[in-house]
């Protein structure tokens, strides 16, 4: 029998090497052998199929919309508001703790014991809660430039950026910017680039997780706004997962380096970002299980 290495299997299965090792370690690859520290995988082995499960009868979007309308505390709507807001803002440099984020959501006040708190962090936290309400309310609507600009307008309203003459709240950037040291789409080219991106994405009839991640990568490469692109992009991913009955996910702060690496290397290796999103999705499935909400993957 002929064997291949983890490095050989990863591009064939379109996953990261770490995922292949996990498959092998968990006994999901028939015939895989560990020789010393090296996995030997039969060339005939197929990529393992991720588990498909349907639990109970409550679907996530219906639960979110019901809990949003009733303002019921302690449910999954409550948890998503806090966890998605805290992690997405923290990735972008917010200094608010998870407890402070929760306190703002639950009491509409801020508890400060010792260190000073940046007012922008507080405003963008409150604004992010409102953005989550928008993507839940409009989850089934087609993704449009108008909706994306609305999210940006809500996120940046009242912040110090909104008082800058050159900063456009709810509008595309006026000046060039970079992300991760890489140039992004020039301001004069952004409207056309966004129009093409959305036209291509909305033409897909049955969108998959890969389609949503690919859109996110292209959106971040355009970087259409002067600031706030990462948070808007992650809100869009969450919305589109809800829209297409795909288990959504939250990129947590401890995944930040893997997430950035995946974005940067997407054109050469899709597996890094895909694996990060799948790991985040598996974490979210545990939350769905806890709240007894149905899902199919």
C-alpha atoms as a PDB file:
ATOM      1  CA  UNK A   1       0.000   0.000   0.000  1.00  0.00           C
ATOM      2  CA  UNK A   2       1.232   3.485  -0.874  1.00  0.00           C
ATOM      3  CA  UNK A   3       1.129   6.207   1.765  1.00  0.00           C
ATOM      4  CA  UNK A   4       1.152  10.007   1.806  1.00  0.00           C
ATOM      5  CA  UNK A   5       2.183  12.498   4.458  1.00  0.00           C
ATOM      6  CA  UNK A   6       0.065  15.051   6.288  1.00  0.00           C
ATOM      7  CA  UNK A   7       1.603  17.718   4.042  1.00  0.00           C
ATOM      8  CA  UNK A   8       0.533  15.728   0.977  1.00  0.00           C
ATOM      9  CA  UNK A   9      -3.024  15.145   2.193  1.00  0.00           C
ATOM     10  CA  UNK A  10      -3.738  18.746   3.268  1.00  0.00           C
ATOM     11  CA  UNK A  11      -3.937  20.321  -0.258  1.00  0.00           C
ATOM     12  CA  UNK A  12      -5.760  17.271  -1.641  1.00  0.00           C
ATOM     13  CA  UNK A  13      -8.469  17.593   1.029  1.00  0.00           C
ATOM     14  CA  UNK A  14      -8.314  21.417   1.006  1.00  0.00           C
ATOM     15  CA  UNK A  15      -7.742  21.680   4.747  1.00  0.00           C
ATOM     16  CA  UNK A  16      -4.881  22.785   6.974  1.00  0.00           C
ATOM     17  CA  UNK A  17      -2.244  20.268   8.044  1.00  0.00           C
ATOM     18  CA  UNK A  18      -3.445  20.689  11.627  1.00  0.00           C
ATOM     19  CA  UNK A  19      -6.876  19.440  10.543  1.00  0.00           C
ATOM     20  CA  UNK A  20      -5.382  16.361   8.878  1.00  0.00           C
ATOM     21  CA  UNK A  21      -3.466  15.538  12.060  1.00  0.00           C
ATOM     22  CA  UNK A  22      -6.676  15.931  14.080  1.00  0.00           C
ATOM     23  CA  UNK A  23      -8.525  13.606  11.704  1.00  0.00           C
ATOM     24  CA  UNK A  24      -5.799  10.991  12.125  1.00  0.00           C
ATOM     25  CA  UNK A  25      -5.522  11.391  15.899  1.00  0.00           C
ATOM     26  CA  UNK A  26      -9.289  10.993  16.286  1.00  0.00           C
ATOM     27  CA  UNK A  27      -9.350   7.796  14.222  1.00  0.00           C
ATOM     28  CA  UNK A  28     -11.277   9.343  11.337  1.00  0.00           C
ATOM     29  CA  UNK A  29      -8.797   8.274   8.608  1.00  0.00           C
ATOM     30  CA  UNK A  30      -8.970   4.573   7.841  1.00  0.00           C
ATOM     31  CA  UNK A  31      -5.540   2.926   7.765  1.00  0.00           C
ATOM     32  CA  UNK A  32      -3.604   5.957   9.039  1.00  0.00           C
ATOM     33  CA  UNK A  33      -0.542   4.977  11.074  1.00  0.00           C
ATOM     34  CA  UNK A  34       1.578   7.014  13.453  1.00  0.00           C
ATOM     35  CA  UNK A  35       5.258   6.182  12.971  1.00  0.00           C
ATOM     36  CA  UNK A  36       7.194   8.060  15.631  1.00  0.00           C
ATOM     37  CA  UNK A  37       5.774  11.568  15.280  1.00  0.00           C
ATOM     38  CA  UNK A  38       4.771  11.200  11.615  1.00  0.00           C
ATOM     39  CA  UNK A  39       1.397  10.128  10.301  1.00  0.00           C
ATOM     40  CA  UNK A  40       1.365   7.813   7.266  1.00  0.00           C
ATOM     41  CA  UNK A  41      -1.925   8.065   5.400  1.00  0.00           C
ATOM     42  CA  UNK A  42      -3.076   5.606   2.696  1.00  0.00           C
ATOM     43  CA  UNK A  43      -3.176   7.332  -0.685  1.00  0.00           C
ATOM     44  CA  UNK A  44      -6.626   5.839  -1.202  1.00  0.00           C
ATOM     45  CA  UNK A  45      -7.979   7.421   2.012  1.00  0.00           C
ATOM     46  CA  UNK A  46     -10.848   9.871   1.599  1.00  0.00           C
ATOM     47  CA  UNK A  47     -11.342  13.141   3.449  1.00  0.00           C
ATOM     48  CA  UNK A  48     -13.464  12.415   6.545  1.00  0.00           C
ATOM     49  CA  UNK A  49     -17.013  13.700   6.434  1.00  0.00           C
ATOM     50  CA  UNK A  50     -17.905  16.057   9.246  1.00  0.00           C
ATOM     51  CA  UNK A  51     -20.800  14.915  11.439  1.00  0.00           C
ATOM     52  CA  UNK A  52     -24.286  15.894  10.358  1.00  0.00           C
ATOM     53  CA  UNK A  53     -26.704  16.326  13.210  1.00  0.00           C
ATOM     54  CA  UNK A  54     -30.148  17.711  13.696  1.00  0.00           C
ATOM     55  CA  UNK A  55     -31.223  18.313  17.287  1.00  0.00           C
ATOM     56  CA  UNK A  56     -34.674  19.149  18.557  1.00  0.00           C
ATOM     57  CA  UNK A  57     -36.962  21.382  16.486  1.00  0.00           C
ATOM     58  CA  UNK A  58     -36.022  24.969  17.391  1.00  0.00           C
ATOM     59  CA  UNK A  59     -34.030  26.733  14.690  1.00  0.00           C
ATOM     60  CA  UNK A  60     -31.549  29.428  15.625  1.00  0.00           C
ATOM     61  CA  UNK A  61     -32.922  32.375  13.658  1.00  0.00           C
ATOM     62  CA  UNK A  62     -36.468  31.904  14.991  1.00  0.00           C
ATOM     63  CA  UNK A  63     -35.162  31.681  18.553  1.00  0.00           C
ATOM     64  CA  UNK A  64     -33.015  34.791  18.099  1.00  0.00           C
ATOM     65  CA  UNK A  65     -35.868  36.812  16.644  1.00  0.00           C
ATOM     66  CA  UNK A  66     -38.256  35.697  19.389  1.00  0.00           C
ATOM     67  CA  UNK A  67     -35.791  36.441  22.191  1.00  0.00           C
ATOM     68  CA  UNK A  68     -34.898  39.758  20.559  1.00  0.00           C
ATOM     69  CA  UNK A  69     -38.565  40.775  20.449  1.00  0.00           C
ATOM     70  CA  UNK A  70     -39.295  39.659  23.999  1.00  0.00           C
ATOM     71  CA  UNK A  71     -35.986  40.987  25.373  1.00  0.00           C
ATOM     72  CA  UNK A  72     -35.695  37.800  27.392  1.00  0.00           C
ATOM     73  CA  UNK A  73     -32.464  37.554  29.409  1.00  0.00           C
ATOM     74  CA  UNK A  74     -30.134  34.586  29.712  1.00  0.00           C
ATOM     75  CA  UNK A  75     -30.843  33.004  26.343  1.00  0.00           C
ATOM     76  CA  UNK A  76     -28.732  32.535  23.237  1.00  0.00           C
ATOM     77  CA  UNK A  77     -29.620  36.023  21.935  1.00  0.00           C
ATOM     78  CA  UNK A  78     -28.219  37.462  25.166  1.00  0.00           C
ATOM     79  CA  UNK A  79     -25.056  35.340  24.862  1.00  0.00           C
ATOM     80  CA  UNK A  80     -24.425  36.177  21.202  1.00  0.00           C
ATOM     81  CA  UNK A  81     -24.813  39.900  21.836  1.00  0.00           C
ATOM     82  CA  UNK A  82     -22.123  39.796  24.501  1.00  0.00           C
ATOM     83  CA  UNK A  83     -19.722  37.227  23.016  1.00  0.00           C
ATOM     84  CA  UNK A  84     -19.792  38.476  19.422  1.00  0.00           C
ATOM     85  CA  UNK A  85     -19.477  42.111  20.497  1.00  0.00           C
ATOM     86  CA  UNK A  86     -16.692  41.498  23.001  1.00  0.00           C
ATOM     87  CA  UNK A  87     -14.573  39.332  20.704  1.00  0.00           C
ATOM     88  CA  UNK A  88     -15.016  41.327  17.513  1.00  0.00           C
ATOM     89  CA  UNK A  89     -14.228  44.622  19.280  1.00  0.00           C
ATOM     90  CA  UNK A  90     -11.333  43.096  21.217  1.00  0.00           C
ATOM     91  CA  UNK A  91      -9.741  41.828  18.003  1.00  0.00           C
ATOM     92  CA  UNK A  92      -9.729  45.457  16.848  1.00  0.00           C
ATOM     93  CA  UNK A  93      -8.105  46.748  20.035  1.00  0.00           C
ATOM     94  CA  UNK A  94     -10.943  47.466  22.467  1.00  0.00           C
ATOM     95  CA  UNK A  95      -9.779  47.317  26.086  1.00  0.00           C
ATOM     96  CA  UNK A  96     -13.187  46.542  27.587  1.00  0.00           C
ATOM     97  CA  UNK A  97     -13.330  43.220  29.384  1.00  0.00           C
ATOM     98  CA  UNK A  98     -15.932  40.547  28.746  1.00  0.00           C
ATOM     99  CA  UNK A  99     -17.567  41.399  32.090  1.00  0.00           C
ATOM    100  CA  UNK A 100     -17.696  45.107  31.227  1.00  0.00           C
ATOM    101  CA  UNK A 101     -19.241  44.263  27.852  1.00  0.00           C
ATOM    102  CA  UNK A 102     -21.825  42.080  29.559  1.00  0.00           C
ATOM    103  CA  UNK A 103     -22.541  44.788  32.126  1.00  0.00           C
ATOM    104  CA  UNK A 104     -23.139  47.394  29.413  1.00  0.00           C
ATOM    105  CA  UNK A 105     -25.563  45.081  27.624  1.00  0.00           C
ATOM    106  CA  UNK A 106     -27.436  44.043  30.748  1.00  0.00           C
ATOM    107  CA  UNK A 107     -27.608  47.371  32.587  1.00  0.00           C
ATOM    108  CA  UNK A 108     -26.777  50.041  29.993  1.00  0.00           C
ATOM    109  CA  UNK A 109     -24.119  51.303  32.408  1.00  0.00           C
ATOM    110  CA  UNK A 110     -20.362  50.848  32.642  1.00  0.00           C
ATOM    111  CA  UNK A 111     -18.482  49.654  35.701  1.00  0.00           C
ATOM    112  CA  UNK A 112     -14.985  51.153  36.074  1.00  0.00           C
ATOM    113  CA  UNK A 113     -12.834  50.267  39.049  1.00  0.00           C
ATOM    114  CA  UNK A 114      -9.266  51.430  38.373  1.00  0.00           C
ATOM    115  CA  UNK A 115      -8.164  52.154  34.822  1.00  0.00           C
ATOM    116  CA  UNK A 116      -9.690  54.765  32.553  1.00  0.00           C
ATOM    117  CA  UNK A 117     -11.881  53.517  29.702  1.00  0.00           C
ATOM    118  CA  UNK A 118     -11.826  54.852  26.161  1.00  0.00           C
ATOM    119  CA  UNK A 119     -15.186  56.424  25.330  1.00  0.00           C
ATOM    120  CA  UNK A 120     -14.983  55.038  21.791  1.00  0.00           C
ATOM    121  CA  UNK A 121     -14.773  51.515  23.208  1.00  0.00           C
ATOM    122  CA  UNK A 122     -18.023  52.101  25.098  1.00  0.00           C
ATOM    123  CA  UNK A 123     -19.815  53.721  22.163  1.00  0.00           C
ATOM    124  CA  UNK A 124     -18.723  51.069  19.703  1.00  0.00           C
ATOM    125  CA  UNK A 125     -19.830  48.364  22.122  1.00  0.00           C
ATOM    126  CA  UNK A 126     -23.327  49.844  22.390  1.00  0.00           C
ATOM    127  CA  UNK A 127     -23.401  50.425  18.639  1.00  0.00           C
ATOM    128  CA  UNK A 128     -22.301  46.849  17.960  1.00  0.00           C
ATOM    129  CA  UNK A 129     -25.257  45.567  19.981  1.00  0.00           C
ATOM    130  CA  UNK A 130     -27.496  47.560  17.628  1.00  0.00           C
ATOM    131  CA  UNK A 131     -25.697  46.104  14.587  1.00  0.00           C
ATOM    132  CA  UNK A 132     -26.401  42.579  15.821  1.00  0.00           C
ATOM    133  CA  UNK A 133     -30.074  43.486  16.134  1.00  0.00           C
ATOM    134  CA  UNK A 134     -29.988  44.646  12.509  1.00  0.00           C
ATOM    135  CA  UNK A 135     -28.459  41.420  11.176  1.00  0.00           C
ATOM    136  CA  UNK A 136     -30.967  39.331  13.132  1.00  0.00           C
ATOM    137  CA  UNK A 137     -33.933  41.410  11.959  1.00  0.00           C
ATOM    138  CA  UNK A 138     -32.711  41.499   8.345  1.00  0.00           C
ATOM    139  CA  UNK A 139     -31.071  38.070   8.258  1.00  0.00           C
ATOM    140  CA  UNK A 140     -33.138  36.789   5.328  1.00  0.00           C
ATOM    141  CA  UNK A 141     -32.726  39.925   3.224  1.00  0.00           C
ATOM    142  CA  UNK A 142     -30.313  39.972   0.323  1.00  0.00           C
ATOM    143  CA  UNK A 143     -26.924  41.394   1.156  1.00  0.00           C
ATOM    144  CA  UNK A 144     -26.670  44.863  -0.394  1.00  0.00           C
ATOM    145  CA  UNK A 145     -24.416  47.902  -0.275  1.00  0.00           C
ATOM    146  CA  UNK A 146     -27.225  49.778   1.482  1.00  0.00           C
ATOM    147  CA  UNK A 147     -27.324  47.223   4.307  1.00  0.00           C
ATOM    148  CA  UNK A 148     -23.534  47.128   4.624  1.00  0.00           C
ATOM    149  CA  UNK A 149     -23.368  50.923   4.798  1.00  0.00           C
ATOM    150  CA  UNK A 150     -26.166  50.925   7.379  1.00  0.00           C
ATOM    151  CA  UNK A 151     -24.122  48.635   9.613  1.00  0.00           C
ATOM    152  CA  UNK A 152     -21.113  50.934   9.301  1.00  0.00           C
ATOM    153  CA  UNK A 153     -23.202  54.002  10.039  1.00  0.00           C
ATOM    154  CA  UNK A 154     -24.609  52.440  13.199  1.00  0.00           C
ATOM    155  CA  UNK A 155     -21.218  51.131  14.351  1.00  0.00           C
ATOM    156  CA  UNK A 156     -19.425  54.478  14.045  1.00  0.00           C
ATOM    157  CA  UNK A 157     -22.199  56.893  15.059  1.00  0.00           C
ATOM    158  CA  UNK A 158     -21.147  59.197  17.910  1.00  0.00           C
ATOM    159  CA  UNK A 159     -17.516  58.049  17.953  1.00  0.00           C
ATOM    160  CA  UNK A 160     -14.549  60.392  17.641  1.00  0.00           C
ATOM    161  CA  UNK A 161     -14.197  59.251  14.025  1.00  0.00           C
ATOM    162  CA  UNK A 162     -17.652  60.641  13.272  1.00  0.00           C
ATOM    163  CA  UNK A 163     -16.413  64.111  14.213  1.00  0.00           C
ATOM    164  CA  UNK A 164     -13.579  64.064  11.682  1.00  0.00           C
ATOM    165  CA  UNK A 165     -14.272  65.968   8.477  1.00  0.00           C
ATOM    166  CA  UNK A 166     -12.500  63.374   6.332  1.00  0.00           C
ATOM    167  CA  UNK A 167     -14.169  60.321   7.893  1.00  0.00           C
ATOM    168  CA  UNK A 168     -17.369  59.158   6.210  1.00  0.00           C
ATOM    169  CA  UNK A 169     -19.781  57.435   8.589  1.00  0.00           C
ATOM    170  CA  UNK A 170     -21.855  54.986   6.562  1.00  0.00           C
ATOM    171  CA  UNK A 171     -19.897  55.761   3.418  1.00  0.00           C
ATOM    172  CA  UNK A 172     -16.847  54.457   1.621  1.00  0.00           C
ATOM    173  CA  UNK A 173     -13.349  55.658   2.426  1.00  0.00           C
ATOM    174  CA  UNK A 174     -11.878  58.850   1.000  1.00  0.00           C
ATOM    175  CA  UNK A 175      -8.232  58.010   1.613  1.00  0.00           C
ATOM    176  CA  UNK A 176      -6.151  54.880   0.924  1.00  0.00           C
ATOM    177  CA  UNK A 177      -5.607  52.483   3.811  1.00  0.00           C
ATOM    178  CA  UNK A 178      -3.683  49.283   4.487  1.00  0.00           C
ATOM    179  CA  UNK A 179      -4.486  46.067   6.329  1.00  0.00           C
ATOM    180  CA  UNK A 180      -1.720  43.893   7.689  1.00  0.00           C
ATOM    181  CA  UNK A 181       0.810  45.998   5.826  1.00  0.00           C
ATOM    182  CA  UNK A 182      -0.864  45.277   2.491  1.00  0.00           C
ATOM    183  CA  UNK A 183      -2.401  47.852   0.170  1.00  0.00           C
ATOM    184  CA  UNK A 184      -6.174  47.704  -0.279  1.00  0.00           C
ATOM    185  CA  UNK A 185      -8.474  48.891  -3.052  1.00  0.00           C
ATOM    186  CA  UNK A 186      -8.032  52.597  -3.789  1.00  0.00           C
ATOM    187  CA  UNK A 187     -10.940  54.845  -2.731  1.00  0.00           C
ATOM    188  CA  UNK A 188     -11.895  55.751  -6.283  1.00  0.00           C
ATOM    189  CA  UNK A 189     -12.189  52.051  -7.180  1.00  0.00           C
ATOM    190  CA  UNK A 190     -14.168  50.917  -4.133  1.00  0.00           C
ATOM    191  CA  UNK A 191     -17.744  51.509  -5.455  1.00  0.00           C
ATOM    192  CA  UNK A 192     -17.120  49.439  -8.573  1.00  0.00           C
ATOM    193  CA  UNK A 193     -15.251  46.744  -6.635  1.00  0.00           C
ATOM    194  CA  UNK A 194     -18.067  46.427  -4.098  1.00  0.00           C
ATOM    195  CA  UNK A 195     -20.694  46.336  -6.830  1.00  0.00           C
ATOM    196  CA  UNK A 196     -18.865  43.501  -8.607  1.00  0.00           C
ATOM    197  CA  UNK A 197     -18.252  41.594  -5.382  1.00  0.00           C
ATOM    198  CA  UNK A 198     -21.911  41.703  -4.358  1.00  0.00           C
ATOM    199  CA  UNK A 199     -23.178  40.904  -7.850  1.00  0.00           C
ATOM    200  CA  UNK A 200     -20.988  37.804  -8.022  1.00  0.00           C
ATOM    201  CA  UNK A 201     -21.904  36.709  -4.496  1.00  0.00           C
ATOM    202  CA  UNK A 202     -25.654  37.275  -4.861  1.00  0.00           C
ATOM    203  CA  UNK A 203     -25.659  35.311  -8.115  1.00  0.00           C
ATOM    204  CA  UNK A 204     -24.856  32.145  -6.150  1.00  0.00           C
ATOM    205  CA  UNK A 205     -28.127  30.307  -5.594  1.00  0.00           C
ATOM    206  CA  UNK A 206     -27.224  27.932  -2.783  1.00  0.00           C
ATOM    207  CA  UNK A 207     -24.498  29.594  -0.776  1.00  0.00           C
ATOM    208  CA  UNK A 208     -22.064  27.465   1.202  1.00  0.00           C
ATOM    209  CA  UNK A 209     -19.758  28.253   4.090  1.00  0.00           C
ATOM    210  CA  UNK A 210     -16.907  28.459   1.584  1.00  0.00           C
ATOM    211  CA  UNK A 211     -18.836  31.094  -0.408  1.00  0.00           C
ATOM    212  CA  UNK A 212     -19.352  33.162   2.756  1.00  0.00           C
ATOM    213  CA  UNK A 213     -15.704  32.929   3.801  1.00  0.00           C
ATOM    214  CA  UNK A 214     -14.568  33.788   0.270  1.00  0.00           C
ATOM    215  CA  UNK A 215     -16.797  36.878   0.304  1.00  0.00           C
ATOM    216  CA  UNK A 216     -15.287  37.881   3.638  1.00  0.00           C
ATOM    217  CA  UNK A 217     -11.745  37.597   2.289  1.00  0.00           C
ATOM    218  CA  UNK A 218     -12.582  39.703  -0.775  1.00  0.00           C
ATOM    219  CA  UNK A 219     -14.436  42.271   1.364  1.00  0.00           C
ATOM    220  CA  UNK A 220     -11.463  42.671   3.689  1.00  0.00           C
ATOM    221  CA  UNK A 221      -9.107  42.970   0.709  1.00  0.00           C
ATOM    222  CA  UNK A 222     -11.208  45.856  -0.632  1.00  0.00           C
ATOM    223  CA  UNK A 223     -11.413  47.388   2.866  1.00  0.00           C
ATOM    224  CA  UNK A 224     -14.159  49.762   1.722  1.00  0.00           C
ATOM    225  CA  UNK A 225     -14.441  51.868   4.883  1.00  0.00           C
ATOM    226  CA  UNK A 226     -11.851  54.069   6.526  1.00  0.00           C
ATOM    227  CA  UNK A 227     -12.210  52.038   9.736  1.00  0.00           C
ATOM    228  CA  UNK A 228     -14.457  49.287  11.081  1.00  0.00           C
ATOM    229  CA  UNK A 229     -14.000  46.876   8.172  1.00  0.00           C
ATOM    230  CA  UNK A 230     -13.146  43.852  10.312  1.00  0.00           C
ATOM    231  CA  UNK A 231     -16.182  44.176  12.540  1.00  0.00           C
ATOM    232  CA  UNK A 232     -18.520  44.834   9.621  1.00  0.00           C
ATOM    233  CA  UNK A 233     -17.051  41.866   7.765  1.00  0.00           C
ATOM    234  CA  UNK A 234     -17.572  39.517  10.701  1.00  0.00           C
ATOM    235  CA  UNK A 235     -21.134  40.782  11.200  1.00  0.00           C
ATOM    236  CA  UNK A 236     -21.809  40.037   7.534  1.00  0.00           C
ATOM    237  CA  UNK A 237     -20.482  36.484   7.915  1.00  0.00           C
ATOM    238  CA  UNK A 238     -22.762  35.894  10.887  1.00  0.00           C
ATOM    239  CA  UNK A 239     -25.759  37.316   9.025  1.00  0.00           C
ATOM    240  CA  UNK A 240     -25.112  35.265   5.907  1.00  0.00           C
ATOM    241  CA  UNK A 241     -24.788  32.068   7.918  1.00  0.00           C
ATOM    242  CA  UNK A 242     -28.194  32.810   9.478  1.00  0.00           C
ATOM    243  CA  UNK A 243     -29.602  33.657   6.046  1.00  0.00           C
ATOM    244  CA  UNK A 244     -28.448  30.378   4.513  1.00  0.00           C
ATOM    245  CA  UNK A 245     -29.196  28.056   7.454  1.00  0.00           C
ATOM    246  CA  UNK A 246     -25.512  27.473   8.123  1.00  0.00           C
ATOM    247  CA  UNK A 247     -24.233  27.219  11.681  1.00  0.00           C
ATOM    248  CA  UNK A 248     -22.724  30.657  12.367  1.00  0.00           C
ATOM    249  CA  UNK A 249     -19.577  31.243  14.353  1.00  0.00           C
ATOM    250  CA  UNK A 250     -17.696  33.798  16.425  1.00  0.00           C
ATOM    251  CA  UNK A 251     -13.995  34.413  15.795  1.00  0.00           C
ATOM    252  CA  UNK A 252     -12.760  34.680  19.356  1.00  0.00           C
ATOM    253  CA  UNK A 253      -9.872  36.848  20.453  1.00  0.00           C
ATOM    254  CA  UNK A 254      -7.654  33.815  21.072  1.00  0.00           C
ATOM    255  CA  UNK A 255      -8.153  32.833  17.410  1.00  0.00           C
ATOM    256  CA  UNK A 256      -7.003  36.229  16.166  1.00  0.00           C
ATOM    257  CA  UNK A 257      -3.551  35.198  14.960  1.00  0.00           C
ATOM    258  CA  UNK A 258      -4.927  32.146  13.111  1.00  0.00           C
ATOM    259  CA  UNK A 259      -7.666  34.319  11.625  1.00  0.00           C
ATOM    260  CA  UNK A 260      -5.244  36.979  10.387  1.00  0.00           C
ATOM    261  CA  UNK A 261      -2.886  34.335   9.043  1.00  0.00           C
ATOM    262  CA  UNK A 262      -5.776  32.750   7.161  1.00  0.00           C
ATOM    263  CA  UNK A 263      -6.852  36.055   5.620  1.00  0.00           C
ATOM    264  CA  UNK A 264      -3.305  36.896   4.558  1.00  0.00           C
ATOM    265  CA  UNK A 265      -2.582  33.491   3.050  1.00  0.00           C
ATOM    266  CA  UNK A 266      -5.977  32.757   1.485  1.00  0.00           C
ATOM    267  CA  UNK A 267      -4.802  32.999  -2.127  1.00  0.00           C
ATOM    268  CA  UNK A 268      -2.100  30.373  -1.490  1.00  0.00           C
ATOM    269  CA  UNK A 269      -3.763  28.160   1.130  1.00  0.00           C
ATOM    270  CA  UNK A 270      -7.474  28.310   1.888  1.00  0.00           C
ATOM    271  CA  UNK A 271      -7.227  25.678   4.580  1.00  0.00           C
ATOM    272  CA  UNK A 272      -5.854  27.939   7.310  1.00  0.00           C
ATOM    273  CA  UNK A 273      -8.825  30.317   7.388  1.00  0.00           C
ATOM    274  CA  UNK A 274     -11.347  27.588   6.634  1.00  0.00           C
ATOM    275  CA  UNK A 275     -10.016  25.498   9.509  1.00  0.00           C
ATOM    276  CA  UNK A 276     -10.199  28.475  11.869  1.00  0.00           C
ATOM    277  CA  UNK A 277     -13.808  29.126  10.904  1.00  0.00           C
ATOM    278  CA  UNK A 278     -14.699  25.441  11.233  1.00  0.00           C
ATOM    279  CA  UNK A 279     -13.146  25.342  14.701  1.00  0.00           C
ATOM    280  CA  UNK A 280     -15.164  28.423  15.667  1.00  0.00           C
ATOM    281  CA  UNK A 281     -18.251  26.779  14.190  1.00  0.00           C
ATOM    282  CA  UNK A 282     -17.676  23.644  16.272  1.00  0.00           C
ATOM    283  CA  UNK A 283     -17.446  25.852  19.379  1.00  0.00           C
ATOM    284  CA  UNK A 284     -20.738  27.455  18.449  1.00  0.00           C
ATOM    285  CA  UNK A 285     -22.379  24.056  17.975  1.00  0.00           C
ATOM    286  CA  UNK A 286     -21.671  23.357  21.640  1.00  0.00           C
ATOM    287  CA  UNK A 287     -23.584  26.541  22.472  1.00  0.00           C
ATOM    288  CA  UNK A 288     -26.489  25.410  20.281  1.00  0.00           C
ATOM    289  CA  UNK A 289     -26.481  22.034  22.007  1.00  0.00           C
ATOM    290  CA  UNK A 290     -26.620  23.723  25.402  1.00  0.00           C
ATOM    291  CA  UNK A 291     -29.605  25.856  24.418  1.00  0.00           C
ATOM    292  CA  UNK A 292     -31.210  22.878  22.617  1.00  0.00           C
ATOM    293  CA  UNK A 293     -31.377  24.556  19.260  1.00  0.00           C
ATOM    294  CA  UNK A 294     -31.457  22.495  16.065  1.00  0.00           C
ATOM    295  CA  UNK A 295     -28.773  22.639  13.407  1.00  0.00           C
ATOM    296  CA  UNK A 296     -27.713  20.689  10.352  1.00  0.00           C
ATOM    297  CA  UNK A 297     -24.216  20.857   8.870  1.00  0.00           C
END
